[in-house]
Amino acid sequence: MTDLLANIVLGFGVAVTPVNLFYCLLGVTLGTMIGILPGIGPSATVALLLPITYTMPDTAALIMLAGIFYGAQYGGSTTAILVNLPGESSSVVTCIDGYAMARQGRAGV
């Protein structure tokens, strides 16, 4: 049990280093910018931005790819709310409620 806790603490310690947090921020930013484009979902965004991670260390590359994926999901919801075009299947329900709220001037909510 102590080995499990030690490994979890070690994993969090590696993940929250400033370099890895920077790569996560960079991945989320790039993923959001590409994910805003209608019709490009998180999987396509990761496939498009995969060559960026070839020269990185393994841990930083995986953290950046995770940031790209989640940033693209967030960007897809922005398009669904403002333009009523879901970029992926998870944004379809967001189109129904979010676009109606955006037409009423409550897009930020």
N, C-alpha and C. Protein backbone atom coordinates (compact mmCIF):
# COMPACT_ATOMS: atom_id res chain seq x y z
N MET A 1 0.82 -1.19 0.00
CA MET A 1 0.00 0.00 0.00
C MET A 1 0.86 1.26 0.00
N THR A 2 1.96 1.23 0.73
CA THR A 2 2.83 2.41 0.76
C THR A 2 3.52 2.62 -0.58
N ASP A 3 3.80 1.53 -1.32
CA ASP A 3 4.39 1.69 -2.66
C ASP A 3 3.43 2.39 -3.60
N LEU A 4 2.15 2.06 -3.48
CA LEU A 4 1.14 2.69 -4.32
C LEU A 4 1.06 4.20 -4.04
N LEU A 5 1.02 4.55 -2.77
CA LEU A 5 0.98 5.97 -2.42
C LEU A 5 2.25 6.71 -2.82
N ALA A 6 3.38 6.05 -2.68
CA ALA A 6 4.65 6.66 -3.08
C ALA A 6 4.68 6.90 -4.59
N ASN A 7 4.16 5.96 -5.36
CA ASN A 7 4.13 6.12 -6.81
C ASN A 7 3.15 7.21 -7.24
N ILE A 8 2.03 7.33 -6.55
CA ILE A 8 1.07 8.40 -6.86
C ILE A 8 1.68 9.76 -6.57
N VAL A 9 2.36 9.89 -5.44
CA VAL A 9 3.02 11.15 -5.09
C VAL A 9 4.12 11.48 -6.10
N LEU A 10 4.87 10.47 -6.52
CA LEU A 10 5.91 10.68 -7.52
C LEU A 10 5.31 11.13 -8.85
N GLY A 11 4.21 10.52 -9.24
CA GLY A 11 3.55 10.91 -10.49
C GLY A 11 3.05 12.35 -10.46
N PHE A 12 2.42 12.74 -9.38
CA PHE A 12 1.97 14.13 -9.25
C PHE A 12 3.16 15.08 -9.20
N GLY A 13 4.24 14.66 -8.55
CA GLY A 13 5.43 15.50 -8.49
C GLY A 13 6.03 15.75 -9.87
N VAL A 14 6.03 14.73 -10.71
CA VAL A 14 6.53 14.89 -12.09
C VAL A 14 5.56 15.73 -12.91
N ALA A 15 4.27 15.53 -12.72
CA ALA A 15 3.28 16.23 -13.54
C ALA A 15 3.22 17.72 -13.26
N VAL A 16 3.52 18.13 -12.05
CA VAL A 16 3.38 19.55 -11.71
C VAL A 16 4.71 20.31 -11.75
N THR A 17 5.69 19.78 -12.45
CA THR A 17 6.92 20.55 -12.66
C THR A 17 6.61 21.70 -13.61
N PRO A 18 7.32 22.80 -13.50
CA PRO A 18 7.01 23.96 -14.35
C PRO A 18 7.10 23.67 -15.85
N VAL A 19 8.03 22.84 -16.26
CA VAL A 19 8.14 22.52 -17.69
C VAL A 19 6.91 21.77 -18.18
N ASN A 20 6.47 20.78 -17.42
CA ASN A 20 5.30 20.01 -17.83
C ASN A 20 4.02 20.84 -17.77
N LEU A 21 3.91 21.73 -16.79
CA LEU A 21 2.75 22.62 -16.75
C LEU A 21 2.74 23.58 -17.94
N PHE A 22 3.93 24.02 -18.37
CA PHE A 22 4.01 24.88 -19.56
C PHE A 22 3.56 24.13 -20.80
N TYR A 23 3.99 22.86 -20.95
CA TYR A 23 3.56 22.08 -22.11
C TYR A 23 2.06 21.81 -22.07
N CYS A 24 1.51 21.64 -20.90
CA CYS A 24 0.06 21.46 -20.77
C CYS A 24 -0.67 22.73 -21.19
N LEU A 25 -0.19 23.88 -20.73
CA LEU A 25 -0.79 25.15 -21.12
C LEU A 25 -0.69 25.37 -22.63
N LEU A 26 0.45 25.05 -23.19
CA LEU A 26 0.63 25.19 -24.64
C LEU A 26 -0.31 24.26 -25.39
N GLY A 27 -0.45 23.03 -24.92
CA GLY A 27 -1.35 22.07 -25.56
C GLY A 27 -2.81 22.50 -25.49
N VAL A 28 -3.23 23.01 -24.34
CA VAL A 28 -4.62 23.46 -24.18
C VAL A 28 -4.88 24.66 -25.09
N THR A 29 -3.91 25.57 -25.19
CA THR A 29 -4.09 26.75 -26.04
C THR A 29 -4.18 26.35 -27.51
N LEU A 30 -3.27 25.51 -27.97
CA LEU A 30 -3.32 25.07 -29.37
C LEU A 30 -4.57 24.24 -29.65
N GLY A 31 -4.93 23.37 -28.72
CA GLY A 31 -6.13 22.55 -28.90
C GLY A 31 -7.39 23.38 -28.97
N THR A 32 -7.47 24.42 -28.16
CA THR A 32 -8.64 25.29 -28.20
C THR A 32 -8.71 26.06 -29.51
N MET A 33 -7.57 26.55 -29.99
CA MET A 33 -7.57 27.31 -31.24
C MET A 33 -7.97 26.43 -32.43
N ILE A 34 -7.51 25.19 -32.47
CA ILE A 34 -7.88 24.30 -33.56
C ILE A 34 -9.29 23.74 -33.34
N GLY A 35 -9.65 23.48 -32.10
CA GLY A 35 -10.96 22.92 -31.80
C GLY A 35 -12.11 23.86 -32.08
N ILE A 36 -11.85 25.16 -32.15
CA ILE A 36 -12.90 26.12 -32.45
C ILE A 36 -13.38 25.97 -33.89
N LEU A 37 -12.52 25.46 -34.76
CA LEU A 37 -12.92 25.27 -36.16
C LEU A 37 -14.03 24.23 -36.23
N PRO A 38 -15.15 24.54 -36.89
CA PRO A 38 -16.26 23.58 -36.93
C PRO A 38 -15.89 22.33 -37.71
N GLY A 39 -16.28 21.20 -37.19
CA GLY A 39 -16.07 19.93 -37.86
C GLY A 39 -14.78 19.23 -37.49
N ILE A 40 -13.90 19.88 -36.78
CA ILE A 40 -12.65 19.25 -36.36
C ILE A 40 -12.77 18.92 -34.88
N GLY A 41 -12.89 17.65 -34.58
CA GLY A 41 -13.05 17.21 -33.20
C GLY A 41 -11.72 17.01 -32.51
N PRO A 42 -11.76 16.54 -31.28
CA PRO A 42 -10.52 16.33 -30.51
C PRO A 42 -9.58 15.30 -31.13
N SER A 43 -10.12 14.24 -31.69
CA SER A 43 -9.25 13.21 -32.28
C SER A 43 -8.50 13.74 -33.49
N ALA A 44 -9.19 14.48 -34.34
CA ALA A 44 -8.54 15.07 -35.51
C ALA A 44 -7.52 16.13 -35.09
N THR A 45 -7.82 16.87 -34.04
CA THR A 45 -6.89 17.89 -33.55
C THR A 45 -5.61 17.25 -33.03
N VAL A 46 -5.75 16.16 -32.29
CA VAL A 46 -4.56 15.45 -31.80
C VAL A 46 -3.76 14.91 -32.98
N ALA A 47 -4.44 14.38 -34.00
CA ALA A 47 -3.74 13.86 -35.17
C ALA A 47 -3.02 14.98 -35.93
N LEU A 48 -3.63 16.16 -36.01
CA LEU A 48 -2.99 17.28 -36.70
C LEU A 48 -1.77 17.79 -35.95
N LEU A 49 -1.84 17.84 -34.64
CA LEU A 49 -0.76 18.42 -33.84
C LEU A 49 0.23 17.39 -33.30
N LEU A 50 0.08 16.13 -33.68
CA LEU A 50 0.97 15.08 -33.20
C LEU A 50 2.44 15.31 -33.59
N PRO A 51 2.75 15.78 -34.79
CA PRO A 51 4.18 15.97 -35.13
C PRO A 51 4.91 16.96 -34.23
N ILE A 52 4.19 17.85 -33.56
CA ILE A 52 4.84 18.80 -32.66
C ILE A 52 5.54 18.07 -31.51
N THR A 53 5.01 16.94 -31.10
CA THR A 53 5.50 16.24 -29.92
C THR A 53 6.62 15.25 -30.20
N TYR A 54 7.07 15.10 -31.44
CA TYR A 54 8.07 14.08 -31.76
C TYR A 54 9.42 14.31 -31.08
N THR A 55 9.82 15.54 -30.90
CA THR A 55 11.15 15.81 -30.34
C THR A 55 11.12 16.08 -28.84
N MET A 56 9.97 15.99 -28.23
CA MET A 56 9.84 16.27 -26.79
C MET A 56 10.18 15.03 -25.96
N PRO A 57 10.46 15.25 -24.68
CA PRO A 57 10.54 14.09 -23.77
C PRO A 57 9.18 13.39 -23.67
N ASP A 58 9.20 12.12 -23.35
CA ASP A 58 7.97 11.32 -23.36
C ASP A 58 6.88 11.87 -22.45
N THR A 59 7.24 12.20 -21.22
CA THR A 59 6.25 12.69 -20.26
C THR A 59 5.64 14.00 -20.73
N ALA A 60 6.47 14.91 -21.19
CA ALA A 60 5.97 16.21 -21.65
C ALA A 60 5.08 16.04 -22.88
N ALA A 61 5.42 15.11 -23.77
CA ALA A 61 4.61 14.89 -24.97
C ALA A 61 3.23 14.35 -24.61
N LEU A 62 3.16 13.41 -23.68
CA LEU A 62 1.87 12.86 -23.28
C LEU A 62 1.01 13.91 -22.57
N ILE A 63 1.64 14.72 -21.74
CA ILE A 63 0.90 15.78 -21.05
C ILE A 63 0.39 16.80 -22.06
N MET A 64 1.21 17.13 -23.05
CA MET A 64 0.78 18.09 -24.07
C MET A 64 -0.35 17.51 -24.92
N LEU A 65 -0.28 16.24 -25.27
CA LEU A 65 -1.35 15.62 -26.06
C LEU A 65 -2.66 15.59 -25.27
N ALA A 66 -2.59 15.34 -23.98
CA ALA A 66 -3.80 15.39 -23.15
C ALA A 66 -4.36 16.80 -23.12
N GLY A 67 -3.49 17.81 -23.01
CA GLY A 67 -3.94 19.20 -23.04
C GLY A 67 -4.58 19.55 -24.38
N ILE A 68 -4.01 19.06 -25.47
CA ILE A 68 -4.57 19.31 -26.80
C ILE A 68 -5.97 18.70 -26.89
N PHE A 69 -6.12 17.48 -26.40
CA PHE A 69 -7.41 16.80 -26.48
C PHE A 69 -8.49 17.56 -25.72
N TYR A 70 -8.20 17.92 -24.48
CA TYR A 70 -9.21 18.61 -23.67
C TYR A 70 -9.44 20.04 -24.13
N GLY A 71 -8.41 20.70 -24.65
CA GLY A 71 -8.59 22.02 -25.22
C GLY A 71 -9.48 21.98 -26.45
N ALA A 72 -9.33 20.95 -27.26
CA ALA A 72 -10.16 20.81 -28.46
C ALA A 72 -11.62 20.54 -28.09
N GLN A 73 -11.84 19.79 -27.03
CA GLN A 73 -13.23 19.57 -26.58
C GLN A 73 -13.86 20.89 -26.14
N TYR A 74 -13.11 21.70 -25.44
CA TYR A 74 -13.62 23.01 -25.01
C TYR A 74 -13.87 23.90 -26.22
N GLY A 75 -12.98 23.91 -27.18
CA GLY A 75 -13.17 24.71 -28.39
C GLY A 75 -14.39 24.28 -29.18
N GLY A 76 -14.68 22.99 -29.20
CA GLY A 76 -15.87 22.50 -29.89
C GLY A 76 -17.15 22.99 -29.25
N SER A 77 -17.15 23.16 -27.94
CA SER A 77 -18.35 23.69 -27.29
C SER A 77 -18.54 25.17 -27.61
N THR A 78 -17.45 25.90 -27.81
CA THR A 78 -17.56 27.31 -28.19
C THR A 78 -18.24 27.46 -29.54
N THR A 79 -17.84 26.64 -30.50
CA THR A 79 -18.47 26.67 -31.82
C THR A 79 -19.93 26.25 -31.74
N ALA A 80 -20.22 25.26 -30.94
CA ALA A 80 -21.60 24.80 -30.82
C ALA A 80 -22.50 25.88 -30.23
N ILE A 81 -21.99 26.66 -29.30
CA ILE A 81 -22.80 27.69 -28.66
C ILE A 81 -22.99 28.89 -29.58
N LEU A 82 -21.92 29.35 -30.21
CA LEU A 82 -22.00 30.59 -30.96
C LEU A 82 -22.52 30.43 -32.39
N VAL A 83 -22.22 29.30 -33.04
CA VAL A 83 -22.57 29.14 -34.46
C VAL A 83 -23.61 28.05 -34.67
N ASN A 84 -23.92 27.27 -33.66
CA ASN A 84 -24.87 26.17 -33.72
C ASN A 84 -24.37 25.06 -34.64
N LEU A 85 -23.06 24.85 -34.68
CA LEU A 85 -22.44 23.77 -35.44
C LEU A 85 -21.59 22.92 -34.49
N PRO A 86 -22.03 21.71 -34.18
CA PRO A 86 -21.22 20.88 -33.29
C PRO A 86 -20.01 20.33 -34.04
N GLY A 87 -18.84 20.45 -33.44
CA GLY A 87 -17.64 19.92 -34.05
C GLY A 87 -17.49 18.42 -33.81
N GLU A 88 -18.09 17.91 -32.77
CA GLU A 88 -18.05 16.49 -32.46
C GLU A 88 -19.37 16.09 -31.82
N SER A 89 -19.56 14.80 -31.63
CA SER A 89 -20.85 14.32 -31.13
C SER A 89 -21.13 14.78 -29.71
N SER A 90 -20.11 15.06 -28.92
CA SER A 90 -20.36 15.48 -27.54
C SER A 90 -20.89 16.92 -27.45
N SER A 91 -20.84 17.66 -28.54
CA SER A 91 -21.32 19.05 -28.53
C SER A 91 -22.74 19.21 -29.08
N VAL A 92 -23.39 18.11 -29.42
CA VAL A 92 -24.73 18.21 -30.00
C VAL A 92 -25.72 18.78 -28.99
N VAL A 93 -25.68 18.30 -27.77
CA VAL A 93 -26.60 18.79 -26.75
C VAL A 93 -26.28 20.24 -26.40
N THR A 94 -25.02 20.62 -26.49
CA THR A 94 -24.63 22.01 -26.24
C THR A 94 -25.26 22.93 -27.27
N CYS A 95 -25.42 22.44 -28.50
CA CYS A 95 -26.07 23.25 -29.54
C CYS A 95 -27.51 23.58 -29.16
N ILE A 96 -28.21 22.63 -28.60
CA ILE A 96 -29.63 22.82 -28.30
C ILE A 96 -29.83 23.93 -27.27
N ASP A 97 -29.15 23.83 -26.16
CA ASP A 97 -29.34 24.82 -25.10
C ASP A 97 -28.46 26.05 -25.28
N GLY A 98 -27.19 25.83 -25.66
CA GLY A 98 -26.24 26.93 -25.72
C GLY A 98 -26.56 27.95 -26.79
N TYR A 99 -26.96 27.49 -27.98
CA TYR A 99 -27.27 28.43 -29.05
C TYR A 99 -28.52 29.24 -28.72
N ALA A 100 -29.50 28.62 -28.11
CA ALA A 100 -30.72 29.35 -27.71
C ALA A 100 -30.37 30.43 -26.68
N MET A 101 -29.49 30.10 -25.76
CA MET A 101 -29.06 31.10 -24.76
C MET A 101 -28.23 32.22 -25.41
N ALA A 102 -27.42 31.85 -26.41
CA ALA A 102 -26.60 32.87 -27.09
C ALA A 102 -27.50 33.84 -27.86
N ARG A 103 -28.58 33.37 -28.40
CA ARG A 103 -29.51 34.26 -29.12
C ARG A 103 -30.23 35.21 -28.17
N GLN A 104 -30.33 34.80 -26.90
CA GLN A 104 -30.94 35.67 -25.90
C GLN A 104 -29.92 36.61 -25.26
N GLY A 105 -28.66 36.53 -25.70
CA GLY A 105 -27.61 37.39 -25.15
C GLY A 105 -26.94 36.82 -23.92
N ARG A 106 -27.11 35.54 -23.64
CA ARG A 106 -26.53 34.91 -22.45
C ARG A 106 -25.51 33.83 -22.82
N ALA A 107 -24.69 34.09 -23.85
CA ALA A 107 -23.72 33.09 -24.31
C ALA A 107 -22.66 32.79 -23.26
N GLY A 108 -22.29 33.77 -22.47
CA GLY A 108 -21.27 33.55 -21.44
C GLY A 108 -21.71 32.63 -20.33
N VAL A 109 -22.99 32.60 -20.06
CA VAL A 109 -23.52 31.74 -19.00
C VAL A 109 -23.44 30.30 -19.44
